[in-house]
PDB file of all heavy atoms in Angstrom:
ATOM      1  N   ALA A   1     113.388  99.290 107.059  1.00  0.00           N
ATOM      2  CA  ALA A   1     112.027  99.719 107.230  1.00  0.00           C
ATOM      3  C   ALA A   1     111.401 100.050 105.941  1.00  0.00           C
ATOM      4  O   ALA A   1     111.967 100.900 105.189  1.00  0.00           O
ATOM      5  CB  ALA A   1     111.948 100.791 108.224  1.00  0.00           C
ATOM      6  N   THR A   2     110.283  99.518 105.576  1.00  0.00           N
ATOM      7  CA  THR A   2     109.714  99.680 104.240  1.00  0.00           C
ATOM      8  C   THR A   2     108.295 100.148 104.300  1.00  0.00           C
ATOM      9  O   THR A   2     107.399  99.636 103.585  1.00  0.00           O
ATOM     10  CB  THR A   2     109.788  98.300 103.469  1.00  0.00           C
ATOM     11  OG1 THR A   2     109.204  97.272 104.312  1.00  0.00           O
ATOM     12  CG2 THR A   2     111.262  97.941 103.176  1.00  0.00           C
ATOM     13  N   LEU A   3     107.999 101.155 105.077  1.00  0.00           N
ATOM     14  CA  LEU A   3     106.580 101.660 105.177  1.00  0.00           C
ATOM     15  C   LEU A   3     106.313 102.599 104.009  1.00  0.00           C
ATOM     16  O   LEU A   3     107.169 103.406 103.634  1.00  0.00           O
ATOM     17  CB  LEU A   3     106.396 102.419 106.464  1.00  0.00           C
ATOM     18  CG  LEU A   3     106.380 101.561 107.816  1.00  0.00           C
ATOM     19  CD1 LEU A   3     107.837 101.351 108.225  1.00  0.00           C
ATOM     20  CD2 LEU A   3     105.556 102.304 108.849  1.00  0.00           C
ATOM     21  N   GLU A   4     105.136 102.490 103.442  1.00  0.00           N
ATOM     22  CA  GLU A   4     104.732 103.310 102.364  1.00  0.00           C
ATOM     23  C   GLU A   4     103.612 104.316 102.867  1.00  0.00           C
ATOM     24  O   GLU A   4     103.257 105.194 102.105  1.00  0.00           O
ATOM     25  CB  GLU A   4     104.253 102.509 101.159  1.00  0.00           C
ATOM     26  CG  GLU A   4     105.309 101.690 100.487  1.00  0.00           C
ATOM     27  CD  GLU A   4     104.848 100.928  99.287  1.00  0.00           C
ATOM     28  OE1 GLU A   4     103.665 100.881  99.064  1.00  0.00           O
ATOM     29  OE2 GLU A   4     105.717 100.374  98.567  1.00  0.00           O
ATOM     30  N   ARG A   5     103.073 104.120 104.040  1.00  0.00           N
ATOM     31  CA  ARG A   5     102.091 105.057 104.608  1.00  0.00           C
ATOM     32  C   ARG A   5     102.232 105.039 106.123  1.00  0.00           C
ATOM     33  O   ARG A   5     102.863 104.165 106.738  1.00  0.00           O
ATOM     34  CB  ARG A   5     100.734 104.663 104.263  1.00  0.00           C
ATOM     35  CG  ARG A   5     100.267 103.300 104.767  1.00  0.00           C
ATOM     36  CD  ARG A   5      98.885 102.868 104.355  1.00  0.00           C
ATOM     37  NE  ARG A   5      98.414 101.638 104.923  1.00  0.00           N
ATOM     38  CZ  ARG A   5      98.702 100.433 104.583  1.00  0.00           C
ATOM     39  NH1 ARG A   5      99.513 100.268 103.499  1.00  0.00           N
ATOM     40  NH2 ARG A   5      98.233  99.312 105.163  1.00  0.00           N
ATOM     41  N   ASN A   6     101.709 106.036 106.704  1.00  0.00           N
ATOM     42  CA  ASN A   6     101.841 106.174 108.213  1.00  0.00           C
ATOM     43  C   ASN A   6     103.300 105.966 108.660  1.00  0.00           C
ATOM     44  O   ASN A   6     103.594 105.182 109.574  1.00  0.00           O
ATOM     45  CB  ASN A   6     100.960 105.196 108.922  1.00  0.00           C
ATOM     46  CG  ASN A   6      99.473 105.374 108.662  1.00  0.00           C
ATOM     47  OD1 ASN A   6      99.086 106.576 108.452  1.00  0.00           O
ATOM     48  ND2 ASN A   6      98.677 104.325 108.660  1.00  0.00           N
ATOM     49  N   THR A   7     104.211 106.735 108.010  1.00  0.00           N
ATOM     50  CA  THR A   7     105.651 106.528 108.315  1.00  0.00           C
ATOM     51  C   THR A   7     106.061 107.297 109.509  1.00  0.00           C
ATOM     52  O   THR A   7     107.203 107.148 109.974  1.00  0.00           O
ATOM     53  CB  THR A   7     106.474 107.039 107.118  1.00  0.00           C
ATOM     54  OG1 THR A   7     106.260 108.443 106.900  1.00  0.00           O
ATOM     55  CG2 THR A   7     106.102 106.315 105.831  1.00  0.00           C
ATOM     56  N   GLY A   8     105.241 108.160 110.083  1.00  0.00           N
ATOM     57  CA  GLY A   8     105.614 109.071 111.191  1.00  0.00           C
ATOM     58  C   GLY A   8     106.184 108.283 112.393  1.00  0.00           C
ATOM     59  O   GLY A   8     107.133 108.656 112.968  1.00  0.00           O
ATOM     60  N   ARG A   9     105.507 107.163 112.760  1.00  0.00           N
ATOM     61  CA  ARG A   9     105.922 106.454 113.962  1.00  0.00           C
ATOM     62  C   ARG A   9     107.347 105.844 113.867  1.00  0.00           C
ATOM     63  O   ARG A   9     108.136 105.998 114.796  1.00  0.00           O
ATOM     64  CB  ARG A   9     104.914 105.407 114.326  1.00  0.00           C
ATOM     65  CG  ARG A   9     104.822 104.228 113.402  1.00  0.00           C
ATOM     66  CD  ARG A   9     103.588 103.454 113.453  1.00  0.00           C
ATOM     67  NE  ARG A   9     102.392 104.151 112.873  1.00  0.00           N
ATOM     68  CZ  ARG A   9     101.297 103.684 112.623  1.00  0.00           C
ATOM     69  NH1 ARG A   9     101.012 102.382 112.910  1.00  0.00           N
ATOM     70  NH2 ARG A   9     100.266 104.377 112.041  1.00  0.00           N
ATOM     71  N   VAL A  10     107.656 105.306 112.721  1.00  0.00           N
ATOM     72  CA  VAL A  10     108.985 104.753 112.450  1.00  0.00           C
ATOM     73  C   VAL A  10     110.060 105.837 112.253  1.00  0.00           C
ATOM     74  O   VAL A  10     111.104 105.817 112.752  1.00  0.00           O
ATOM     75  CB  VAL A  10     108.970 103.742 111.296  1.00  0.00           C
ATOM     76  CG1 VAL A  10     110.373 103.401 110.912  1.00  0.00           C
ATOM     77  CG2 VAL A  10     108.153 102.496 111.672  1.00  0.00           C
ATOM     78  N   ARG A  11     109.629 106.805 111.520  1.00  0.00           N
ATOM     79  CA  ARG A  11     110.592 107.928 111.268  1.00  0.00           C
ATOM     80  C   ARG A  11     110.941 108.685 112.524  1.00  0.00           C
ATOM     81  O   ARG A  11     112.095 108.998 112.762  1.00  0.00           O
ATOM     82  CB  ARG A  11     110.021 108.888 110.254  1.00  0.00           C
ATOM     83  CG  ARG A  11     110.936 109.865 109.627  1.00  0.00           C
ATOM     84  CD  ARG A  11     110.314 110.616 108.498  1.00  0.00           C
ATOM     85  NE  ARG A  11     109.955 109.777 107.411  1.00  0.00           N
ATOM     86  CZ  ARG A  11     110.811 109.349 106.434  1.00  0.00           C
ATOM     87  NH1 ARG A  11     112.062 109.620 106.516  1.00  0.00           N
ATOM     88  NH2 ARG A  11     110.308 108.585 105.489  1.00  0.00           N
ATOM     89  N   SER A  12     109.955 108.846 113.413  1.00  0.00           N
ATOM     90  CA  SER A  12     110.199 109.498 114.666  1.00  0.00           C
ATOM     91  C   SER A  12     111.200 108.748 115.498  1.00  0.00           C
ATOM     92  O   SER A  12     112.144 109.313 116.101  1.00  0.00           O
ATOM     93  CB  SER A  12     108.884 109.664 115.490  1.00  0.00           C
ATOM     94  OG  SER A  12     109.102 110.290 116.755  1.00  0.00           O
ATOM     95  N   LEU A  13     111.100 107.435 115.551  1.00  0.00           N
ATOM     96  CA  LEU A  13     112.004 106.612 116.346  1.00  0.00           C
ATOM     97  C   LEU A  13     113.413 106.598 115.720  1.00  0.00           C
ATOM     98  O   LEU A  13     114.399 106.910 116.419  1.00  0.00           O
ATOM     99  CB  LEU A  13     111.476 105.180 116.426  1.00  0.00           C
ATOM    100  CG  LEU A  13     112.489 104.085 116.982  1.00  0.00           C
ATOM    101  CD1 LEU A  13     112.819 104.366 118.405  1.00  0.00           C
ATOM    102  CD2 LEU A  13     111.899 102.711 116.773  1.00  0.00           C
ATOM    103  N   LEU A  14     113.515 106.308 114.428  1.00  0.00           N
ATOM    104  CA  LEU A  14     114.773 106.122 113.754  1.00  0.00           C
ATOM    105  C   LEU A  14     115.570 107.462 113.630  1.00  0.00           C
ATOM    106  O   LEU A  14     116.772 107.410 113.747  1.00  0.00           O
ATOM    107  CB  LEU A  14     114.571 105.436 112.401  1.00  0.00           C
ATOM    108  CG  LEU A  14     114.017 104.024 112.507  1.00  0.00           C
ATOM    109  CD1 LEU A  14     113.938 103.429 111.055  1.00  0.00           C
ATOM    110  CD2 LEU A  14     114.793 103.148 113.448  1.00  0.00           C
ATOM    111  N   SER A  15     114.811 108.517 113.454  1.00  0.00           N
ATOM    112  CA  SER A  15     115.565 109.815 113.327  1.00  0.00           C
ATOM    113  C   SER A  15     116.161 110.197 114.740  1.00  0.00           C
ATOM    114  O   SER A  15     117.228 110.840 114.806  1.00  0.00           O
ATOM    115  CB  SER A  15     114.646 110.915 112.829  1.00  0.00           C
ATOM    116  OG  SER A  15     113.580 111.126 113.734  1.00  0.00           O
ATOM    117  N   ARG A  16     115.431 109.816 115.756  1.00  0.00           N
ATOM    118  CA  ARG A  16     115.909 110.185 117.134  1.00  0.00           C
ATOM    119  C   ARG A  16     117.211 109.432 117.467  1.00  0.00           C
ATOM    120  O   ARG A  16     118.033 109.966 118.235  1.00  0.00           O
ATOM    121  CB  ARG A  16     114.789 109.832 118.091  1.00  0.00           C
ATOM    122  CG  ARG A  16     115.187 110.149 119.615  1.00  0.00           C
ATOM    123  CD  ARG A  16     115.419 111.593 119.850  1.00  0.00           C
ATOM    124  NE  ARG A  16     115.797 111.809 121.213  1.00  0.00           N
ATOM    125  CZ  ARG A  16     114.996 112.180 122.220  1.00  0.00           C
ATOM    126  NH1 ARG A  16     113.723 112.331 122.034  1.00  0.00           N
ATOM    127  NH2 ARG A  16     115.505 112.396 123.431  1.00  0.00           N
ATOM    128  N   ILE A  17     117.378 108.247 116.923  1.00  0.00           N
ATOM    129  CA  ILE A  17     118.579 107.464 117.274  1.00  0.00           C
ATOM    130  C   ILE A  17     119.535 107.358 116.103  1.00  0.00           C
ATOM    131  O   ILE A  17     120.469 106.522 116.082  1.00  0.00           O
ATOM    132  CB  ILE A  17     118.151 106.040 117.719  1.00  0.00           C
ATOM    133  CG1 ILE A  17     117.409 105.294 116.674  1.00  0.00           C
ATOM    134  CG2 ILE A  17     117.294 106.144 118.999  1.00  0.00           C
ATOM    135  CD1 ILE A  17     117.087 103.819 117.016  1.00  0.00           C
ATOM    136  N   GLY A  18     119.387 108.205 115.082  1.00  0.00           N
ATOM    137  CA  GLY A  18     120.329 108.260 113.986  1.00  0.00           C
ATOM    138  C   GLY A  18     120.303 107.094 113.065  1.00  0.00           C
ATOM    139  O   GLY A  18     121.320 106.763 112.403  1.00  0.00           O
ATOM    140  N   LEU A  19     119.203 106.484 112.864  1.00  0.00           N
ATOM    141  CA  LEU A  19     119.048 105.372 111.914  1.00  0.00           C
ATOM    142  C   LEU A  19     117.959 105.609 110.840  1.00  0.00           C
ATOM    143  O   LEU A  19     117.414 104.666 110.251  1.00  0.00           O
ATOM    144  CB  LEU A  19     118.699 104.087 112.655  1.00  0.00           C
ATOM    145  CG  LEU A  19     119.827 103.408 113.520  1.00  0.00           C
ATOM    146  CD1 LEU A  19     119.323 102.221 114.228  1.00  0.00           C
ATOM    147  CD2 LEU A  19     121.021 103.124 112.614  1.00  0.00           C
ATOM    148  N   GLU A  20     117.680 106.897 110.562  1.00  0.00           N
ATOM    149  CA  GLU A  20     116.658 107.201 109.546  1.00  0.00           C
ATOM    150  C   GLU A  20     117.035 106.696 108.171  1.00  0.00           C
ATOM    151  O   GLU A  20     116.180 106.405 107.345  1.00  0.00           O
ATOM    152  CB  GLU A  20     116.443 108.719 109.520  1.00  0.00           C
ATOM    153  CG  GLU A  20     115.176 109.082 108.775  1.00  0.00           C
ATOM    154  CD  GLU A  20     114.910 110.605 108.926  1.00  0.00           C
ATOM    155  OE1 GLU A  20     115.684 111.294 109.494  1.00  0.00           O
ATOM    156  OE2 GLU A  20     113.800 110.993 108.517  1.00  0.00           O
ATOM    157  N   ASN A  21     118.354 106.466 108.018  1.00  0.00           N
ATOM    158  CA  ASN A  21     118.734 105.861 106.638  1.00  0.00           C
ATOM    159  C   ASN A  21     118.294 104.461 106.475  1.00  0.00           C
ATOM    160  O   ASN A  21     118.411 103.856 105.335  1.00  0.00           O
ATOM    161  CB  ASN A  21     120.289 106.006 106.508  1.00  0.00           C
ATOM    162  CG  ASN A  21     121.037 105.082 107.523  1.00  0.00           C
ATOM    163  OD1 ASN A  21     120.566 104.928 108.634  1.00  0.00           O
ATOM    164  ND2 ASN A  21     122.156 104.546 107.116  1.00  0.00           N
ATOM    165  N   ARG A  22     117.742 103.774 107.469  1.00  0.00           N
ATOM    166  CA  ARG A  22     117.254 102.411 107.335  1.00  0.00           C
ATOM    167  C   ARG A  22     115.885 102.406 106.695  1.00  0.00           C
ATOM    168  O   ARG A  22     115.352 101.298 106.382  1.00  0.00           O
ATOM    169  CB  ARG A  22     117.248 101.674 108.685  1.00  0.00           C
ATOM    170  CG  ARG A  22     118.480 101.757 109.455  1.00  0.00           C
ATOM    171  CD  ARG A  22     119.709 101.524 108.643  1.00  0.00           C
ATOM    172  NE  ARG A  22     119.774 100.109 108.129  1.00  0.00           N
ATOM    173  CZ  ARG A  22     120.759  99.711 107.382  1.00  0.00           C
ATOM    174  NH1 ARG A  22     121.749 100.479 106.992  1.00  0.00           N
ATOM    175  NH2 ARG A  22     120.776  98.430 106.977  1.00  0.00           N
ATOM    176  N   ILE A  23     115.255 103.550 106.470  1.00  0.00           N
ATOM    177  CA  ILE A  23     114.010 103.613 105.851  1.00  0.00           C
ATOM    178  C   ILE A  23     114.223 103.586 104.322  1.00  0.00           C
ATOM    179  O   ILE A  23     114.895 104.438 103.801  1.00  0.00           O
ATOM    180  CB  ILE A  23     113.197 104.908 106.255  1.00  0.00           C
ATOM    181  CG1 ILE A  23     112.953 104.892 107.726  1.00  0.00           C
ATOM    182  CG2 ILE A  23     111.852 104.989 105.506  1.00  0.00           C
ATOM    183  CD1 ILE A  23     112.358 106.214 108.297  1.00  0.00           C
ATOM    184  N   VAL A  24     113.615 102.589 103.671  1.00  0.00           N
ATOM    185  CA  VAL A  24     113.862 102.480 102.216  1.00  0.00           C
ATOM    186  C   VAL A  24     112.703 103.107 101.474  1.00  0.00           C
ATOM    187  O   VAL A  24     111.613 102.824 101.628  1.00  0.00           O
ATOM    188  CB  VAL A  24     113.919 100.935 101.847  1.00  0.00           C
ATOM    189  CG1 VAL A  24     114.137 100.801 100.312  1.00  0.00           C
ATOM    190  CG2 VAL A  24     115.009 100.279 102.624  1.00  0.00           C
ATOM    191  N   SER A  25     113.082 104.061 100.599  1.00  0.00           N
ATOM    192  CA  SER A  25     112.100 104.731  99.772  1.00  0.00           C
ATOM    193  C   SER A  25     112.236 104.350  98.314  1.00  0.00           C
ATOM    194  O   SER A  25     111.348 104.508  97.471  1.00  0.00           O
ATOM    195  CB  SER A  25     112.223 106.266  99.881  1.00  0.00           C
ATOM    196  OG  SER A  25     113.516 106.646  99.518  1.00  0.00           O
ATOM    197  N   ASP A  26     113.436 103.771  97.952  1.00  0.00           N
ATOM    198  CA  ASP A  26     113.672 103.342  96.577  1.00  0.00           C
ATOM    199  C   ASP A  26     114.556 102.145  96.598  1.00  0.00           C
ATOM    200  O   ASP A  26     115.727 102.202  96.969  1.00  0.00           O
ATOM    201  CB  ASP A  26     114.405 104.474  95.774  1.00  0.00           C
ATOM    202  CG  ASP A  26     114.616 104.149  94.317  1.00  0.00           C
ATOM    203  OD1 ASP A  26     114.272 102.994  93.935  1.00  0.00           O
ATOM    204  OD2 ASP A  26     115.184 104.972  93.611  1.00  0.00           O
ATOM    205  N   CYS A  27     113.934 100.953  96.221  1.00  0.00           N
ATOM    206  CA  CYS A  27     114.660  99.731  96.291  1.00  0.00           C
ATOM    207  C   CYS A  27     115.905  99.741  95.390  1.00  0.00           C
ATOM    208  O   CYS A  27     116.876  99.044  95.644  1.00  0.00           O
ATOM    209  CB  CYS A  27     113.702  98.562  95.872  1.00  0.00           C
ATOM    210  SG  CYS A  27     114.464  96.944  96.037  1.00  0.00           S
ATOM    211  N   ASP A  28     115.852 100.472  94.267  1.00  0.00           N
ATOM    212  CA  ASP A  28     116.978 100.481  93.293  1.00  0.00           C
ATOM    213  C   ASP A  28     118.182 101.084  93.887  1.00  0.00           C
ATOM    214  O   ASP A  28     119.265 100.832  93.344  1.00  0.00           O
ATOM    215  CB  ASP A  28     116.491 101.152  92.044  1.00  0.00           C
ATOM    216  CG  ASP A  28     115.383 100.396  91.300  1.00  0.00           C
ATOM    217  OD1 ASP A  28     115.353  99.141  91.481  1.00  0.00           O
ATOM    218  OD2 ASP A  28     114.603 101.058  90.646  1.00  0.00           O
ATOM    219  N   THR A  29     118.078 101.907  94.912  1.00  0.00           N
ATOM    220  CA  THR A  29     119.250 102.571  95.526  1.00  0.00           C
ATOM    221  C   THR A  29     119.671 101.942  96.845  1.00  0.00           C
ATOM    222  O   THR A  29     120.399 102.471  97.533  1.00  0.00           O
ATOM    223  CB  THR A  29     118.975 104.099  95.723  1.00  0.00           C
ATOM    224  OG1 THR A  29     117.889 104.217  96.653  1.00  0.00           O
ATOM    225  CG2 THR A  29     118.620 104.788  94.407  1.00  0.00           C
ATOM    226  N   LEU A  30     119.145 100.783  97.062  1.00  0.00           N
ATOM    227  CA  LEU A  30     119.396 100.088  98.363  1.00  0.00           C
ATOM    228  C   LEU A  30     120.844  99.670  98.480  1.00  0.00           C
ATOM    229  O   LEU A  30     121.459  99.081  97.548  1.00  0.00           O
ATOM    230  CB  LEU A  30     118.562  98.830  98.423  1.00  0.00           C
ATOM    231  CG  LEU A  30     118.670  97.985  99.719  1.00  0.00           C
ATOM    232  CD1 LEU A  30     118.111  98.727 100.895  1.00  0.00           C
ATOM    233  CD2 LEU A  30     117.920  96.714  99.580  1.00  0.00           C
ATOM    234  N   ASP A  31     121.520 100.069  99.573  1.00  0.00           N
ATOM    235  CA  ASP A  31     122.981  99.763  99.793  1.00  0.00           C
ATOM    236  C   ASP A  31     122.987  98.596 100.766  1.00  0.00           C
ATOM    237  O   ASP A  31     123.019  98.725 102.002  1.00  0.00           O
ATOM    238  CB  ASP A  31     123.610 100.997 100.420  1.00  0.00           C
ATOM    239  CG  ASP A  31     125.143 100.756 100.593  1.00  0.00           C
ATOM    240  OD1 ASP A  31     125.609  99.688 100.169  1.00  0.00           O
ATOM    241  OD2 ASP A  31     125.822 101.629 101.173  1.00  0.00           O
ATOM    242  N   ILE A  32     123.168  97.430 100.246  1.00  0.00           N
ATOM    243  CA  ILE A  32     123.240  96.188 101.033  1.00  0.00           C
ATOM    244  C   ILE A  32     124.519  96.060 101.827  1.00  0.00           C
ATOM    245  O   ILE A  32     124.556  95.429 102.873  1.00  0.00           O
ATOM    246  CB  ILE A  32     123.045  94.924 100.102  1.00  0.00           C
ATOM    247  CG1 ILE A  32     121.681  94.973  99.516  1.00  0.00           C
ATOM    248  CG2 ILE A  32     123.250  93.614 100.960  1.00  0.00           C
ATOM    249  CD1 ILE A  32     121.406  93.844  98.483  1.00  0.00           C
ATOM    250  N   GLU A  33     125.559  96.804 101.427  1.00  0.00           N
ATOM    251  CA  GLU A  33     126.812  96.676 102.078  1.00  0.00           C
ATOM    252  C   GLU A  33     126.750  97.436 103.436  1.00  0.00           C
ATOM    253  O   GLU A  33     127.578  97.266 104.321  1.00  0.00           O
ATOM    254  CB  GLU A  33     127.897  97.226 101.225  1.00  0.00           C
ATOM    255  CG  GLU A  33     128.106  96.535  99.939  1.00  0.00           C
ATOM    256  CD  GLU A  33     128.369  95.028 100.129  1.00  0.00           C
ATOM    257  OE1 GLU A  33     129.040  94.663 101.084  1.00  0.00           O
ATOM    258  OE2 GLU A  33     127.890  94.286  99.245  1.00  0.00           O
ATOM    259  N   ASP A  34     125.807  98.356 103.573  1.00  0.00           N
ATOM    260  CA  ASP A  34     125.663  99.131 104.761  1.00  0.00           C
ATOM    261  C   ASP A  34     125.097  98.258 105.860  1.00  0.00           C
ATOM    262  O   ASP A  34     123.899  98.033 105.921  1.00  0.00           O
ATOM    263  CB  ASP A  34     124.788 100.353 104.519  1.00  0.00           C
ATOM    264  CG  ASP A  34     124.601 101.238 105.774  1.00  0.00           C
ATOM    265  OD1 ASP A  34     125.337 100.960 106.775  1.00  0.00           O
ATOM    266  OD2 ASP A  34     123.735 102.097 105.736  1.00  0.00           O
ATOM    267  N   ASP A  35     125.943  97.784 106.805  1.00  0.00           N
ATOM    268  CA  ASP A  35     125.471  96.818 107.756  1.00  0.00           C
ATOM    269  C   ASP A  35     125.418  97.254 109.213  1.00  0.00           C
ATOM    270  O   ASP A  35     125.440  96.498 110.206  1.00  0.00           O
ATOM    271  CB  ASP A  35     126.406  95.606 107.732  1.00  0.00           C
ATOM    272  CG  ASP A  35     127.854  95.902 108.066  1.00  0.00           C
ATOM    273  OD1 ASP A  35     128.119  97.051 108.318  1.00  0.00           O
ATOM    274  OD2 ASP A  35     128.694  94.975 108.151  1.00  0.00           O
ATOM    275  N   LEU A  36     125.304  98.572 109.428  1.00  0.00           N
ATOM    276  CA  LEU A  36     125.181  99.191 110.757  1.00  0.00           C
ATOM    277  C   LEU A  36     126.480  98.891 111.561  1.00  0.00           C
ATOM    278  O   LEU A  36     126.409  98.871 112.786  1.00  0.00           O
ATOM    279  CB  LEU A  36     123.978  98.627 111.524  1.00  0.00           C
ATOM    280  CG  LEU A  36     122.653  98.794 110.821  1.00  0.00           C
ATOM    281  CD1 LEU A  36     121.549  98.249 111.739  1.00  0.00           C
ATOM    282  CD2 LEU A  36     122.347 100.203 110.481  1.00  0.00           C
ATOM    283  N   SER A  37     127.617  98.676 110.922  1.00  0.00           N
ATOM    284  CA  SER A  37     128.801  98.323 111.668  1.00  0.00           C
ATOM    285  C   SER A  37     129.354  99.388 112.669  1.00  0.00           C
ATOM    286  O   SER A  37     130.012  99.053 113.611  1.00  0.00           O
ATOM    287  CB  SER A  37     129.940  97.909 110.678  1.00  0.00           C
ATOM    288  OG  SER A  37     130.193  98.980 109.822  1.00  0.00           O
ATOM    289  N   ASP A  38     129.064 100.699 112.380  1.00  0.00           N
ATOM    290  CA  ASP A  38     129.587 101.695 113.250  1.00  0.00           C
ATOM    291  C   ASP A  38     128.878 101.747 114.596  1.00  0.00           C
ATOM    292  O   ASP A  38     129.383 102.240 115.591  1.00  0.00           O
ATOM    293  CB  ASP A  38     129.614 103.066 112.574  1.00  0.00           C
ATOM    294  CG  ASP A  38     128.230 103.578 112.254  1.00  0.00           C
ATOM    295  OD1 ASP A  38     127.260 102.867 112.568  1.00  0.00           O
ATOM    296  OD2 ASP A  38     128.202 104.621 111.631  1.00  0.00           O
ATOM    297  N   MET A  39     127.627 101.311 114.642  1.00  0.00           N
ATOM    298  CA  MET A  39     126.838 101.276 115.849  1.00  0.00           C
ATOM    299  C   MET A  39     126.803 102.639 116.618  1.00  0.00           C
ATOM    300  O   MET A  39     126.664 102.724 117.791  1.00  0.00           O
ATOM    301  CB  MET A  39     127.370 100.225 116.861  1.00  0.00           C
ATOM    302  CG  MET A  39     127.383  98.870 116.360  1.00  0.00           C
ATOM    303  SD  MET A  39     125.700  98.258 116.030  1.00  0.00           S
ATOM    304  CE  MET A  39     125.097  98.040 117.726  1.00  0.00           C
ATOM    305  N   ALA A  40     126.924 103.729 115.813  1.00  0.00           N
ATOM    306  CA  ALA A  40     126.893 105.065 116.428  1.00  0.00           C
ATOM    307  C   ALA A  40     125.557 105.349 117.050  1.00  0.00           C
ATOM    308  O   ALA A  40     125.406 106.178 117.910  1.00  0.00           O
ATOM    309  CB  ALA A  40     127.200 106.111 115.357  1.00  0.00           C
ATOM    310  N   HIS A  41     124.505 104.666 116.563  1.00  0.00           N
ATOM    311  CA  HIS A  41     123.178 104.845 117.080  1.00  0.00           C
ATOM    312  C   HIS A  41     122.943 104.363 118.559  1.00  0.00           C
ATOM    313  O   HIS A  41     122.052 104.713 119.203  1.00  0.00           O
ATOM    314  CB  HIS A  41     122.146 104.188 116.230  1.00  0.00           C
ATOM    315  CG  HIS A  41     122.205 102.723 116.242  1.00  0.00           C
ATOM    316  ND1 HIS A  41     123.187 102.017 115.567  1.00  0.00           N
ATOM    317  CD2 HIS A  41     121.463 101.763 116.888  1.00  0.00           C
ATOM    318  CE1 HIS A  41     122.999 100.721 115.777  1.00  0.00           C
ATOM    319  NE2 HIS A  41     122.007 100.602 116.564  1.00  0.00           N
ATOM    320  N   ALA A  42     123.867 103.483 118.958  1.00  0.00           N
ATOM    321  CA  ALA A  42     123.664 102.720 120.255  1.00  0.00           C
ATOM    322  C   ALA A  42     123.589 103.755 121.422  1.00  0.00           C
ATOM    323  O   ALA A  42     122.679 103.651 122.265  1.00  0.00           O
ATOM    324  CB  ALA A  42     124.796 101.736 120.474  1.00  0.00           C
TER     325      ALA A  42
END
């Protein structure tokens, strides 16, 4: 998720289901290896 404004709607959803780390704030620190494999959010 790459929102730069009005982030509340996406942040509210993703934080509720444990996927807030999918919001990218800095492209240089992007972890491409993180592939959601644990599915803990399900």
